Amino acid sequence: MIISGQVLSTSNEPLMGANIYAQTKNGKEGVVADFDGNFTWEVKNELTSPVTISYLGYTSRTFEPNNLDNKKVILNESSEQLDEVVISYKKPKSKQKQEKNKLIGIISIGAGVLALGIILINIKK
């Protein structure tokens, strides 16, 4: 079975990185929407739950797999406030010589929605 579609906000903006997933007999499986909010998921295991589409700061929606073929899915902004965001970084275990590791993070909170911004942090080994 192939499930495909596009995830958009109420203002018709694509939601890059939206999660599309479901429970299977082997655990939770899914895909992530691309830059334009498009996704294609070749489901290899039998689904044991409806398909959930979620994005941080938006209300999740669930669908039966048969109702998702080439569908545009609109997610509404959530009114829930975020209290805390934790970002962690673990140094790689490899012993390769590198002067610096670069960590690109995304942080910025406003009006209960996590906005995306890029911060470049240099970490000395």
PDB file of N, CA and C in Angstrom:
ATOM      1  N   MET A   1       0.853  -1.173   0.000  1.00  0.00           N
ATOM      2  CA  MET A   1       0.000   0.000   0.000  1.00  0.00           C
ATOM      3  C   MET A   1       0.898   1.235   0.000  1.00  0.00           C
ATOM      4  N   ILE A   2       0.531   2.233  -0.796  1.00  0.00           N
ATOM      5  CA  ILE A   2       1.265   3.502  -0.831  1.00  0.00           C
ATOM      6  C   ILE A   2       0.307   4.601  -0.371  1.00  0.00           C
ATOM      7  N   ILE A   3       0.770   5.371   0.613  1.00  0.00           N
ATOM      8  CA  ILE A   3       0.001   6.500   1.139  1.00  0.00           C
ATOM      9  C   ILE A   3       0.758   7.764   0.760  1.00  0.00           C
ATOM     10  N   SER A   4       0.065   8.726   0.156  1.00  0.00           N
ATOM     11  CA  SER A   4       0.742   9.957  -0.248  1.00  0.00           C
ATOM     12  C   SER A   4      -0.181  11.154  -0.050  1.00  0.00           C
ATOM     13  N   GLY A   5       0.419  12.333  -0.023  1.00  0.00           N
ATOM     14  CA  GLY A   5      -0.366  13.545   0.118  1.00  0.00           C
ATOM     15  C   GLY A   5       0.524  14.742   0.401  1.00  0.00           C
ATOM     16  N   GLN A   6      -0.099  15.802   0.896  1.00  0.00           N
ATOM     17  CA  GLN A   6       0.616  17.033   1.218  1.00  0.00           C
ATOM     18  C   GLN A   6       0.051  17.587   2.513  1.00  0.00           C
ATOM     19  N   VAL A   7       0.935  18.064   3.401  1.00  0.00           N
ATOM     20  CA  VAL A   7       0.531  18.633   4.684  1.00  0.00           C
ATOM     21  C   VAL A   7       0.701  20.147   4.605  1.00  0.00           C
ATOM     22  N   LEU A   8      -0.397  20.869   4.893  1.00  0.00           N
ATOM     23  CA  LEU A   8      -0.415  22.334   4.795  1.00  0.00           C
ATOM     24  C   LEU A   8      -0.976  22.942   6.068  1.00  0.00           C
ATOM     25  N   SER A   9      -0.627  24.215   6.297  1.00  0.00           N
ATOM     26  CA  SER A   9      -1.238  24.988   7.383  1.00  0.00           C
ATOM     27  C   SER A   9      -2.545  25.590   6.866  1.00  0.00           C
ATOM     28  N   THR A  10      -3.303  26.220   7.761  1.00  0.00           N
ATOM     29  CA  THR A  10      -4.562  26.847   7.345  1.00  0.00           C
ATOM     30  C   THR A  10      -4.327  28.009   6.387  1.00  0.00           C
ATOM     31  N   SER A  11      -3.098  28.561   6.372  1.00  0.00           N
ATOM     32  CA  SER A  11      -2.768  29.627   5.431  1.00  0.00           C
ATOM     33  C   SER A  11      -2.163  29.069   4.138  1.00  0.00           C
ATOM     34  N   ASN A  12      -2.332  27.767   3.926  1.00  0.00           N
ATOM     35  CA  ASN A  12      -1.892  27.076   2.710  1.00  0.00           C
ATOM     36  C   ASN A  12      -0.373  27.021   2.559  1.00  0.00           C
ATOM     37  N   GLU A  13       0.358  27.136   3.680  1.00  0.00           N
ATOM     38  CA  GLU A  13       1.816  27.015   3.661  1.00  0.00           C
ATOM     39  C   GLU A  13       2.189  25.553   3.899  1.00  0.00           C
ATOM     40  N   PRO A  14       3.155  25.005   3.149  1.00  0.00           N
ATOM     41  CA  PRO A  14       3.573  23.617   3.375  1.00  0.00           C
ATOM     42  C   PRO A  14       4.233  23.469   4.750  1.00  0.00           C
ATOM     43  N   LEU A  15       3.975  22.354   5.420  1.00  0.00           N
ATOM     44  CA  LEU A  15       4.562  22.076   6.731  1.00  0.00           C
ATOM     45  C   LEU A  15       5.690  21.058   6.557  1.00  0.00           C
ATOM     46  N   MET A  16       6.873  21.572   6.225  1.00  0.00           N
ATOM     47  CA  MET A  16       8.061  20.746   6.043  1.00  0.00           C
ATOM     48  C   MET A  16       8.402  20.059   7.361  1.00  0.00           C
ATOM     49  N   GLY A  17       8.637  18.765   7.324  1.00  0.00           N
ATOM     50  CA  GLY A  17       9.019  18.035   8.522  1.00  0.00           C
ATOM     51  C   GLY A  17       7.841  17.481   9.312  1.00  0.00           C
ATOM     52  N   ALA A  18       6.628  17.615   8.798  1.00  0.00           N
ATOM     53  CA  ALA A  18       5.465  17.037   9.477  1.00  0.00           C
ATOM     54  C   ALA A  18       5.649  15.518   9.543  1.00  0.00           C
ATOM     55  N   ASN A  19       5.173  14.919  10.634  1.00  0.00           N
ATOM     56  CA  ASN A  19       5.290  13.477  10.841  1.00  0.00           C
ATOM     57  C   ASN A  19       4.024  12.768  10.383  1.00  0.00           C
ATOM     58  N   ILE A  20       4.203  11.698   9.642  1.00  0.00           N
ATOM     59  CA  ILE A  20       3.097  10.862   9.182  1.00  0.00           C
ATOM     60  C   ILE A  20       3.436   9.463   9.662  1.00  0.00           C
ATOM     61  N   TYR A  21       2.629   8.901  10.573  1.00  0.00           N
ATOM     62  CA  TYR A  21       2.987   7.618  11.169  1.00  0.00           C
ATOM     63  C   TYR A  21       1.754   6.836  11.610  1.00  0.00           C
ATOM     64  N   ALA A  22       1.983   5.541  11.869  1.00  0.00           N
ATOM     65  CA  ALA A  22       0.937   4.651  12.367  1.00  0.00           C
ATOM     66  C   ALA A  22       1.595   3.490  13.096  1.00  0.00           C
ATOM     67  N   GLN A  23       0.826   2.822  13.892  1.00  0.00           N
ATOM     68  CA  GLN A  23       1.289   1.632  14.603  1.00  0.00           C
ATOM     69  C   GLN A  23       1.149   0.430  13.675  1.00  0.00           C
ATOM     70  N   THR A  24       2.162  -0.428  13.649  1.00  0.00           N
ATOM     71  CA  THR A  24       2.096  -1.683  12.909  1.00  0.00           C
ATOM     72  C   THR A  24       2.372  -2.814  13.893  1.00  0.00           C
ATOM     73  N   LYS A  25       2.268  -4.036  13.429  1.00  0.00           N
ATOM     74  CA  LYS A  25       2.556  -5.162  14.319  1.00  0.00           C
ATOM     75  C   LYS A  25       4.034  -5.204  14.709  1.00  0.00           C
ATOM     76  N   ASN A  26       4.890  -4.484  13.972  1.00  0.00           N
ATOM     77  CA  ASN A  26       6.325  -4.425  14.277  1.00  0.00           C
ATOM     78  C   ASN A  26       6.732  -3.158  15.015  1.00  0.00           C
ATOM     79  N   GLY A  27       5.785  -2.325  15.418  1.00  0.00           N
ATOM     80  CA  GLY A  27       6.094  -1.066  16.091  1.00  0.00           C
ATOM     81  C   GLY A  27       5.554   0.116  15.306  1.00  0.00           C
ATOM     82  N   LYS A  28       6.008   1.296  15.684  1.00  0.00           N
ATOM     83  CA  LYS A  28       5.551   2.510  15.013  1.00  0.00           C
ATOM     84  C   LYS A  28       6.413   2.759  13.780  1.00  0.00           C
ATOM     85  N   GLU A  29       5.758   3.061  12.658  1.00  0.00           N
ATOM     86  CA  GLU A  29       6.466   3.336  11.405  1.00  0.00           C
ATOM     87  C   GLU A  29       5.884   4.580  10.768  1.00  0.00           C
ATOM     88  N   GLY A  30       6.680   5.234   9.915  1.00  0.00           N
ATOM     89  CA  GLY A  30       6.168   6.407   9.237  1.00  0.00           C
ATOM     90  C   GLY A  30       7.219   7.116   8.411  1.00  0.00           C
ATOM     91  N   VAL A  31       6.859   8.316   7.956  1.00  0.00           N
ATOM     92  CA  VAL A  31       7.736   9.144   7.130  1.00  0.00           C
ATOM     93  C   VAL A  31       7.607  10.600   7.576  1.00  0.00           C
ATOM     94  N   VAL A  32       8.435  11.446   6.979  1.00  0.00           N
ATOM     95  CA  VAL A  32       8.430  12.879   7.269  1.00  0.00           C
ATOM     96  C   VAL A  32       8.165  13.627   5.963  1.00  0.00           C
ATOM     97  N   ALA A  33       7.357  14.679   6.036  1.00  0.00           N
ATOM     98  CA  ALA A  33       7.043  15.480   4.847  1.00  0.00           C
ATOM     99  C   ALA A  33       8.285  16.233   4.369  1.00  0.00           C
ATOM    100  N   ASP A  34       8.415  16.389   3.067  1.00  0.00           N
ATOM    101  CA  ASP A  34       9.559  17.090   2.482  1.00  0.00           C
ATOM    102  C   ASP A  34       9.380  18.608   2.545  1.00  0.00           C
ATOM    103  N   PHE A  35      10.266  19.344   1.861  1.00  0.00           N
ATOM    104  CA  PHE A  35      10.285  20.808   1.880  1.00  0.00           C
ATOM    105  C   PHE A  35       8.950  21.422   1.470  1.00  0.00           C
ATOM    106  N   ASP A  36       8.251  20.769   0.546  1.00  0.00           N
ATOM    107  CA  ASP A  36       6.971  21.274   0.055  1.00  0.00           C
ATOM    108  C   ASP A  36       5.773  20.678   0.783  1.00  0.00           C
ATOM    109  N   GLY A  37       6.032  19.949   1.886  1.00  0.00           N
ATOM    110  CA  GLY A  37       4.956  19.329   2.652  1.00  0.00           C
ATOM    111  C   GLY A  37       4.458  18.028   2.056  1.00  0.00           C
ATOM    112  N   ASN A  38       5.097  17.562   0.982  1.00  0.00           N
ATOM    113  CA  ASN A  38       4.672  16.322   0.325  1.00  0.00           C
ATOM    114  C   ASN A  38       5.246  15.105   1.029  1.00  0.00           C
ATOM    115  N   PHE A  39       4.490  14.006   0.990  1.00  0.00           N
ATOM    116  CA  PHE A  39       4.982  12.749   1.541  1.00  0.00           C
ATOM    117  C   PHE A  39       4.482  11.583   0.704  1.00  0.00           C
ATOM    118  N   THR A  40       5.300  10.543   0.650  1.00  0.00           N
ATOM    119  CA  THR A  40       4.923   9.276   0.040  1.00  0.00           C
ATOM    120  C   THR A  40       5.455   8.189   0.954  1.00  0.00           C
ATOM    121  N   TRP A  41       4.574   7.315   1.392  1.00  0.00           N
ATOM    122  CA  TRP A  41       4.941   6.263   2.328  1.00  0.00           C
ATOM    123  C   TRP A  41       4.535   4.922   1.740  1.00  0.00           C
ATOM    124  N   GLU A  42       5.523   4.092   1.460  1.00  0.00           N
ATOM    125  CA  GLU A  42       5.251   2.728   1.007  1.00  0.00           C
ATOM    126  C   GLU A  42       5.146   1.858   2.259  1.00  0.00           C
ATOM    127  N   VAL A  43       3.927   1.551   2.640  1.00  0.00           N
ATOM    128  CA  VAL A  43       3.666   0.789   3.865  1.00  0.00           C
ATOM    129  C   VAL A  43       3.945  -0.679   3.578  1.00  0.00           C
ATOM    130  N   LYS A  44       4.908  -1.242   4.312  1.00  0.00           N
ATOM    131  CA  LYS A  44       5.307  -2.627   4.068  1.00  0.00           C
ATOM    132  C   LYS A  44       4.687  -3.586   5.075  1.00  0.00           C
ATOM    133  N   ASN A  45       4.284  -3.093   6.245  1.00  0.00           N
ATOM    134  CA  ASN A  45       3.676  -3.932   7.267  1.00  0.00           C
ATOM    135  C   ASN A  45       2.226  -3.524   7.477  1.00  0.00           C
ATOM    136  N   GLU A  46       1.426  -4.458   7.921  1.00  0.00           N
ATOM    137  CA  GLU A  46       0.007  -4.194   8.156  1.00  0.00           C
ATOM    138  C   GLU A  46      -0.167  -3.160   9.265  1.00  0.00           C
ATOM    139  N   LEU A  47      -0.967  -2.123   8.990  1.00  0.00           N
ATOM    140  CA  LEU A  47      -1.224  -1.087   9.989  1.00  0.00           C
ATOM    141  C   LEU A  47      -2.228  -1.593  11.010  1.00  0.00           C
ATOM    142  N   THR A  48      -1.961  -1.304  12.291  1.00  0.00           N
ATOM    143  CA  THR A  48      -2.876  -1.704  13.360  1.00  0.00           C
ATOM    144  C   THR A  48      -3.548  -0.504  14.004  1.00  0.00           C
ATOM    145  N   SER A  49      -3.346   0.680  13.428  1.00  0.00           N
ATOM    146  CA  SER A  49      -3.987   1.902  13.922  1.00  0.00           C
ATOM    147  C   SER A  49      -4.194   2.852  12.753  1.00  0.00           C
ATOM    148  N   PRO A  50      -5.034   3.872  12.950  1.00  0.00           N
ATOM    149  CA  PRO A  50      -5.163   4.896  11.897  1.00  0.00           C
ATOM    150  C   PRO A  50      -3.838   5.640  11.709  1.00  0.00           C
ATOM    151  N   VAL A  51      -3.702   6.331  10.603  1.00  0.00           N
ATOM    152  CA  VAL A  51      -2.513   7.135  10.310  1.00  0.00           C
ATOM    153  C   VAL A  51      -2.666   8.486  11.012  1.00  0.00           C
ATOM    154  N   THR A  52      -1.622   8.898  11.736  1.00  0.00           N
ATOM    155  CA  THR A  52      -1.614  10.183  12.422  1.00  0.00           C
ATOM    156  C   THR A  52      -0.682  11.125  11.682  1.00  0.00           C
ATOM    157  N   ILE A  53      -1.112  12.378  11.526  1.00  0.00           N
ATOM    158  CA  ILE A  53      -0.275  13.418  10.932  1.00  0.00           C
ATOM    159  C   ILE A  53      -0.120  14.499  11.983  1.00  0.00           C
ATOM    160  N   SER A  54       1.148  14.809  12.325  1.00  0.00           N
ATOM    161  CA  SER A  54       1.395  15.778  13.391  1.00  0.00           C
ATOM    162  C   SER A  54       2.530  16.718  13.018  1.00  0.00           C
ATOM    163  N   TYR A  55       2.506  17.889  13.659  1.00  0.00           N
ATOM    164  CA  TYR A  55       3.544  18.900  13.464  1.00  0.00           C
ATOM    165  C   TYR A  55       3.558  19.753  14.721  1.00  0.00           C
ATOM    166  N   LEU A  56       4.744  20.062  15.230  1.00  0.00           N
ATOM    167  CA  LEU A  56       4.867  20.815  16.475  1.00  0.00           C
ATOM    168  C   LEU A  56       4.173  22.165  16.377  1.00  0.00           C
ATOM    169  N   GLY A  57       3.286  22.442  17.341  1.00  0.00           N
ATOM    170  CA  GLY A  57       2.552  23.697  17.342  1.00  0.00           C
ATOM    171  C   GLY A  57       1.218  23.619  16.629  1.00  0.00           C
ATOM    172  N   TYR A  58       0.882  22.432  16.096  1.00  0.00           N
ATOM    173  CA  TYR A  58      -0.360  22.220  15.372  1.00  0.00           C
ATOM    174  C   TYR A  58      -1.114  21.031  15.974  1.00  0.00           C
ATOM    175  N   THR A  59      -2.426  21.016  15.781  1.00  0.00           N
ATOM    176  CA  THR A  59      -3.250  19.928  16.277  1.00  0.00           C
ATOM    177  C   THR A  59      -3.128  18.735  15.332  1.00  0.00           C
ATOM    178  N   SER A  60      -2.815  17.561  15.883  1.00  0.00           N
ATOM    179  CA  SER A  60      -2.673  16.338  15.085  1.00  0.00           C
ATOM    180  C   SER A  60      -4.021  15.897  14.531  1.00  0.00           C
ATOM    181  N   ARG A  61      -3.972  15.189  13.406  1.00  0.00           N
ATOM    182  CA  ARG A  61      -5.188  14.619  12.808  1.00  0.00           C
ATOM    183  C   ARG A  61      -4.936  13.154  12.489  1.00  0.00           C
ATOM    184  N   THR A  62      -5.997  12.342  12.536  1.00  0.00           N
ATOM    185  CA  THR A  62      -5.874  10.929  12.198  1.00  0.00           C
ATOM    186  C   THR A  62      -6.807  10.591  11.038  1.00  0.00           C
ATOM    187  N   PHE A  63      -6.373   9.632  10.227  1.00  0.00           N
ATOM    188  CA  PHE A  63      -7.116   9.225   9.037  1.00  0.00           C
ATOM    189  C   PHE A  63      -7.008   7.717   8.870  1.00  0.00           C
ATOM    190  N   GLU A  64      -8.011   7.128   8.263  1.00  0.00           N
ATOM    191  CA  GLU A  64      -7.904   5.745   7.817  1.00  0.00           C
ATOM    192  C   GLU A  64      -7.006   5.764   6.576  1.00  0.00           C
ATOM    193  N   PRO A  65      -6.139   4.778   6.422  1.00  0.00           N
ATOM    194  CA  PRO A  65      -5.184   4.789   5.300  1.00  0.00           C
ATOM    195  C   PRO A  65      -5.844   4.944   3.930  1.00  0.00           C
ATOM    196  N   ASN A  66      -7.016   4.354   3.749  1.00  0.00           N
ATOM    197  CA  ASN A  66      -7.700   4.436   2.447  1.00  0.00           C
ATOM    198  C   ASN A  66      -8.130   5.862   2.111  1.00  0.00           C
ATOM    199  N   ASN A  67      -8.236   6.742   3.120  1.00  0.00           N
ATOM    200  CA  ASN A  67      -8.685   8.119   2.899  1.00  0.00           C
ATOM    201  C   ASN A  67      -7.528   9.086   2.691  1.00  0.00           C
ATOM    202  N   LEU A  68      -6.324   8.585   2.486  1.00  0.00           N
ATOM    203  CA  LEU A  68      -5.162   9.477   2.377  1.00  0.00           C
ATOM    204  C   LEU A  68      -4.480   9.469   1.020  1.00  0.00           C
ATOM    205  N   ASP A  69      -5.041   8.864   0.029  1.00  0.00           N
ATOM    206  CA  ASP A  69      -4.376   8.789  -1.267  1.00  0.00           C
ATOM    207  C   ASP A  69      -4.392  10.146  -1.962  1.00  0.00           C
ATOM    208  N   ASN A  70      -3.203  10.753  -2.096  1.00  0.00           N
ATOM    209  CA  ASN A  70      -3.034  12.057  -2.746  1.00  0.00           C
ATOM    210  C   ASN A  70      -3.908  13.155  -2.151  1.00  0.00           C
ATOM    211  N   LYS A  71      -4.046  13.155  -0.858  1.00  0.00           N
ATOM    212  CA  LYS A  71      -4.922  14.107  -0.176  1.00  0.00           C
ATOM    213  C   LYS A  71      -4.118  15.285   0.382  1.00  0.00           C
ATOM    214  N   LYS A  72      -4.716  16.475   0.330  1.00  0.00           N
ATOM    215  CA  LYS A  72      -4.140  17.640   1.007  1.00  0.00           C
ATOM    216  C   LYS A  72      -4.696  17.657   2.416  1.00  0.00           C
ATOM    217  N   VAL A  73      -3.801  17.619   3.404  1.00  0.00           N
ATOM    218  CA  VAL A  73      -4.201  17.598   4.806  1.00  0.00           C
ATOM    219  C   VAL A  73      -3.886  18.962   5.409  1.00  0.00           C
ATOM    220  N   ILE A  74      -4.902  19.618   5.961  1.00  0.00           N
ATOM    221  CA  ILE A  74      -4.736  20.928   6.584  1.00  0.00           C
ATOM    222  C   ILE A  74      -4.676  20.735   8.100  1.00  0.00           C
ATOM    223  N   LEU A  75      -3.601  21.239   8.734  1.00  0.00           N
ATOM    224  CA  LEU A  75      -3.478  21.189  10.189  1.00  0.00           C
ATOM    225  C   LEU A  75      -3.736  22.575  10.759  1.00  0.00           C
ATOM    226  N   ASN A  76      -4.499  22.631  11.849  1.00  0.00           N
ATOM    227  CA  ASN A  76      -4.799  23.891  12.539  1.00  0.00           C
ATOM    228  C   ASN A  76      -3.771  24.156  13.622  1.00  0.00           C
ATOM    229  N   GLU A  77      -3.428  25.429  13.814  1.00  0.00           N
ATOM    230  CA  GLU A  77      -2.505  25.790  14.885  1.00  0.00           C
ATOM    231  C   GLU A  77      -3.108  25.418  16.225  1.00  0.00           C
ATOM    232  N   SER A  78      -2.245  24.964  17.127  1.00  0.00           N
ATOM    233  CA  SER A  78      -2.679  24.588  18.465  1.00  0.00           C
ATOM    234  C   SER A  78      -2.562  25.792  19.381  1.00  0.00           C
ATOM    235  N   SER A  79      -3.486  25.903  20.316  1.00  0.00           N
ATOM    236  CA  SER A  79      -3.441  27.032  21.256  1.00  0.00           C
ATOM    237  C   SER A  79      -2.681  26.671  22.528  1.00  0.00           C
ATOM    238  N   GLU A  80      -2.136  25.445  22.600  1.00  0.00           N
ATOM    239  CA  GLU A  80      -1.380  25.033  23.787  1.00  0.00           C
ATOM    240  C   GLU A  80      -0.043  25.753  23.838  1.00  0.00           C
ATOM    241  N   GLN A  81       0.342  26.167  25.033  1.00  0.00           N
ATOM    242  CA  GLN A  81       1.620  26.846  25.239  1.00  0.00           C
ATOM    243  C   GLN A  81       2.721  25.818  25.486  1.00  0.00           C
ATOM    244  N   LEU A  82       3.913  26.077  24.974  1.00  0.00           N
ATOM    245  CA  LEU A  82       5.068  25.244  25.263  1.00  0.00           C
ATOM    246  C   LEU A  82       5.760  25.815  26.486  1.00  0.00           C
ATOM    247  N   ASP A  83       6.014  24.973  27.485  1.00  0.00           N
ATOM    248  CA  ASP A  83       6.680  25.425  28.696  1.00  0.00           C
ATOM    249  C   ASP A  83       8.195  25.357  28.588  1.00  0.00           C
ATOM    250  N   GLU A  84       8.684  24.353  27.868  1.00  0.00           N
ATOM    251  CA  GLU A  84      10.111  24.127  27.861  1.00  0.00           C
ATOM    252  C   GLU A  84      10.513  23.388  26.594  1.00  0.00           C
ATOM    253  N   VAL A  85      11.683  23.729  26.064  1.00  0.00           N
ATOM    254  CA  VAL A  85      12.259  23.014  24.941  1.00  0.00           C
ATOM    255  C   VAL A  85      13.655  22.599  25.345  1.00  0.00           C
ATOM    256  N   VAL A  86      13.987  21.327  25.179  1.00  0.00           N
ATOM    257  CA  VAL A  86      15.306  20.829  25.548  1.00  0.00           C
ATOM    258  C   VAL A  86      15.997  20.337  24.287  1.00  0.00           C
ATOM    259  N   ILE A  87      17.204  20.838  24.049  1.00  0.00           N
ATOM    260  CA  ILE A  87      18.007  20.393  22.922  1.00  0.00           C
ATOM    261  C   ILE A  87      19.277  19.800  23.488  1.00  0.00           C
ATOM    262  N   SER A  88      19.599  18.578  23.081  1.00  0.00           N
ATOM    263  CA  SER A  88      20.810  17.944  23.585  1.00  0.00           C
ATOM    264  C   SER A  88      21.734  17.605  22.425  1.00  0.00           C
ATOM    265  N   TYR A  89      23.007  17.503  22.747  1.00  0.00           N
ATOM    266  CA  TYR A  89      24.021  17.184  21.743  1.00  0.00           C
ATOM    267  C   TYR A  89      25.002  16.205  22.351  1.00  0.00           C
ATOM    268  N   LYS A  90      25.327  15.174  21.606  1.00  0.00           N
ATOM    269  CA  LYS A  90      26.293  14.192  22.069  1.00  0.00           C
ATOM    270  C   LYS A  90      27.448  14.178  21.082  1.00  0.00           C
ATOM    271  N   LYS A  91      28.664  14.293  21.611  1.00  0.00           N
ATOM    272  CA  LYS A  91      29.837  14.262  20.738  1.00  0.00           C
ATOM    273  C   LYS A  91      29.928  12.913  20.036  1.00  0.00           C
ATOM    274  N   PRO A  92      30.349  12.927  18.777  1.00  0.00           N
ATOM    275  CA  PRO A  92      30.515  11.649  18.072  1.00  0.00           C
ATOM    276  C   PRO A  92      31.603  10.812  18.732  1.00  0.00           C
ATOM    277  N   LYS A  93      31.481   9.500  18.641  1.00  0.00           N
ATOM    278  CA  LYS A  93      32.456   8.602  19.251  1.00  0.00           C
ATOM    279  C   LYS A  93      33.703   8.409  18.402  1.00  0.00           C
ATOM    280  N   SER A  94      33.658   8.815  17.141  1.00  0.00           N
ATOM    281  CA  SER A  94      34.805   8.572  16.258  1.00  0.00           C
ATOM    282  C   SER A  94      36.014   9.373  16.719  1.00  0.00           C
ATOM    283  N   LYS A  95      37.189   8.837  16.455  1.00  0.00           N
ATOM    284  CA  LYS A  95      38.446   9.469  16.872  1.00  0.00           C
ATOM    285  C   LYS A  95      39.087  10.259  15.732  1.00  0.00           C
ATOM    286  N   GLN A  96      38.304  10.567  14.701  1.00  0.00           N
ATOM    287  CA  GLN A  96      38.842  11.321  13.581  1.00  0.00           C
ATOM    288  C   GLN A  96      39.245  12.712  14.048  1.00  0.00           C
ATOM    289  N   LYS A  97      40.309  13.252  13.427  1.00  0.00           N
ATOM    290  CA  LYS A  97      40.765  14.581  13.799  1.00  0.00           C
ATOM    291  C   LYS A  97      39.850  15.629  13.188  1.00  0.00           C
ATOM    292  N   GLN A  98      39.220  16.375  14.059  1.00  0.00           N
ATOM    293  CA  GLN A  98      38.402  17.508  13.641  1.00  0.00           C
ATOM    294  C   GLN A  98      38.657  18.609  14.645  1.00  0.00           C
ATOM    295  N   GLU A  99      38.867  19.820  14.151  1.00  0.00           N
ATOM    296  CA  GLU A  99      39.096  20.924  15.066  1.00  0.00           C
ATOM    297  C   GLU A  99      37.808  21.361  15.732  1.00  0.00           C
ATOM    298  N   LYS A 100      36.724  21.343  15.001  1.00  0.00           N
ATOM    299  CA  LYS A 100      35.465  21.828  15.546  1.00  0.00           C
ATOM    300  C   LYS A 100      34.316  20.968  15.041  1.00  0.00           C
ATOM    301  N   ASN A 101      33.329  20.796  15.861  1.00  0.00           N
ATOM    302  CA  ASN A 101      32.066  20.203  15.432  1.00  0.00           C
ATOM    303  C   ASN A 101      31.069  21.336  15.335  1.00  0.00           C
ATOM    304  N   LYS A 102      30.212  21.280  14.387  1.00  0.00           N
ATOM    305  CA  LYS A 102      29.209  22.330  14.243  1.00  0.00           C
ATOM    306  C   LYS A 102      27.845  21.740  14.553  1.00  0.00           C
ATOM    307  N   LEU A 103      27.154  22.423  15.406  1.00  0.00           N
ATOM    308  CA  LEU A 103      25.808  21.993  15.767  1.00  0.00           C
ATOM    309  C   LEU A 103      24.835  23.026  15.255  1.00  0.00           C
ATOM    310  N   ILE A 104      23.904  22.580  14.461  1.00  0.00           N
ATOM    311  CA  ILE A 104      22.870  23.477  13.978  1.00  0.00           C
ATOM    312  C   ILE A 104      21.609  23.134  14.732  1.00  0.00           C
ATOM    313  N   GLY A 105      21.081  24.093  15.460  1.00  0.00           N
ATOM    314  CA  GLY A 105      19.880  23.866  16.246  1.00  0.00           C
ATOM    315  C   GLY A 105      18.770  24.781  15.804  1.00  0.00           C
ATOM    316  N   ILE A 106      17.595  24.475  16.269  1.00  0.00           N
ATOM    317  CA  ILE A 106      16.443  25.311  15.972  1.00  0.00           C
ATOM    318  C   ILE A 106      15.760  25.678  17.275  1.00  0.00           C
ATOM    319  N   ILE A 107      15.775  26.983  17.570  1.00  0.00           N
ATOM    320  CA  ILE A 107      15.194  27.450  18.812  1.00  0.00           C
ATOM    321  C   ILE A 107      14.539  28.809  18.582  1.00  0.00           C
ATOM    322  N   SER A 108      13.378  28.995  19.106  1.00  0.00           N
ATOM    323  CA  SER A 108      12.690  30.276  19.133  1.00  0.00           C
ATOM    324  C   SER A 108      11.233  29.984  19.436  1.00  0.00           C
ATOM    325  N   ILE A 109      10.764  30.495  20.552  1.00  0.00           N
ATOM    326  CA  ILE A 109       9.391  30.215  20.950  1.00  0.00           C
ATOM    327  C   ILE A 109       8.606  31.517  20.980  1.00  0.00           C
ATOM    328  N   GLY A 110       7.395  31.484  20.452  1.00  0.00           N
ATOM    329  CA  GLY A 110       6.530  32.648  20.496  1.00  0.00           C
ATOM    330  C   GLY A 110       5.094  32.230  20.300  1.00  0.00           C
ATOM    331  N   ALA A 111       4.202  32.747  21.102  1.00  0.00           N
ATOM    332  CA  ALA A 111       2.758  32.501  21.002  1.00  0.00           C
ATOM    333  C   ALA A 111       2.422  31.016  20.995  1.00  0.00           C
ATOM    334  N   GLY A 112       3.196  30.225  21.743  1.00  0.00           N
ATOM    335  CA  GLY A 112       2.887  28.805  21.873  1.00  0.00           C
ATOM    336  C   GLY A 112       3.270  27.962  20.679  1.00  0.00           C
ATOM    337  N   VAL A 113       3.953  28.530  19.725  1.00  0.00           N
ATOM    338  CA  VAL A 113       4.345  27.786  18.534  1.00  0.00           C
ATOM    339  C   VAL A 113       5.863  27.837  18.429  1.00  0.00           C
ATOM    340  N   LEU A 114       6.468  26.721  18.151  1.00  0.00           N
ATOM    341  CA  LEU A 114       7.916  26.692  17.983  1.00  0.00           C
ATOM    342  C   LEU A 114       8.248  27.180  16.581  1.00  0.00           C
ATOM    343  N   ALA A 115       8.847  28.355  16.502  1.00  0.00           N
ATOM    344  CA  ALA A 115       9.245  28.916  15.209  1.00  0.00           C
ATOM    345  C   ALA A 115      10.645  28.406  14.897  1.00  0.00           C
ATOM    346  N   LEU A 116      10.941  28.261  13.643  1.00  0.00           N
ATOM    347  CA  LEU A 116      12.231  27.706  13.276  1.00  0.00           C
ATOM    348  C   LEU A 116      13.215  28.811  12.927  1.00  0.00           C
ATOM    349  N   GLY A 117      14.368  28.752  13.518  1.00  0.00           N
ATOM    350  CA  GLY A 117      15.460  29.652  13.224  1.00  0.00           C
ATOM    351  C   GLY A 117      16.731  28.839  13.296  1.00  0.00           C
ATOM    352  N   ILE A 118      17.798  29.299  12.753  1.00  0.00           N
ATOM    353  CA  ILE A 118      19.023  28.510  12.768  1.00  0.00           C
ATOM    354  C   ILE A 118      20.089  29.224  13.583  1.00  0.00           C
ATOM    355  N   ILE A 119      20.683  28.476  14.480  1.00  0.00           N
ATOM    356  CA  ILE A 119      21.764  28.984  15.314  1.00  0.00           C
ATOM    357  C   ILE A 119      22.963  28.090  15.068  1.00  0.00           C
ATOM    358  N   LEU A 120      24.089  28.671  14.785  1.00  0.00           N
ATOM    359  CA  LEU A 120      25.303  27.910  14.553  1.00  0.00           C
ATOM    360  C   LEU A 120      26.187  28.037  15.779  1.00  0.00           C
ATOM    361  N   ILE A 121      26.523  26.916  16.377  1.00  0.00           N
ATOM    362  CA  ILE A 121      27.333  26.893  17.585  1.00  0.00           C
ATOM    363  C   ILE A 121      28.583  26.100  17.276  1.00  0.00           C
ATOM    364  N   ASN A 122      29.741  26.669  17.542  1.00  0.00           N
ATOM    365  CA  ASN A 122      30.987  25.942  17.360  1.00  0.00           C
ATOM    366  C   ASN A 122      31.378  25.314  18.687  1.00  0.00           C
ATOM    367  N   ILE A 123      31.672  24.038  18.668  1.00  0.00           N
ATOM    368  CA  ILE A 123      32.059  23.310  19.879  1.00  0.00           C
ATOM    369  C   ILE A 123      33.478  22.807  19.665  1.00  0.00           C
ATOM    370  N   LYS A 124      34.372  23.207  20.556  1.00  0.00           N
ATOM    371  CA  LYS A 124      35.759  22.759  20.468  1.00  0.00           C
ATOM    372  C   LYS A 124      35.886  21.375  21.086  1.00  0.00           C
ATOM    373  N   LYS A 125      36.692  20.527  20.478  1.00  0.00           N
ATOM    374  CA  LYS A 125      36.936  19.179  21.020  1.00  0.00           C
ATOM    375  C   LYS A 125      37.969  19.259  22.094  1.00  0.00           C
TER     376      LYS A 125
END
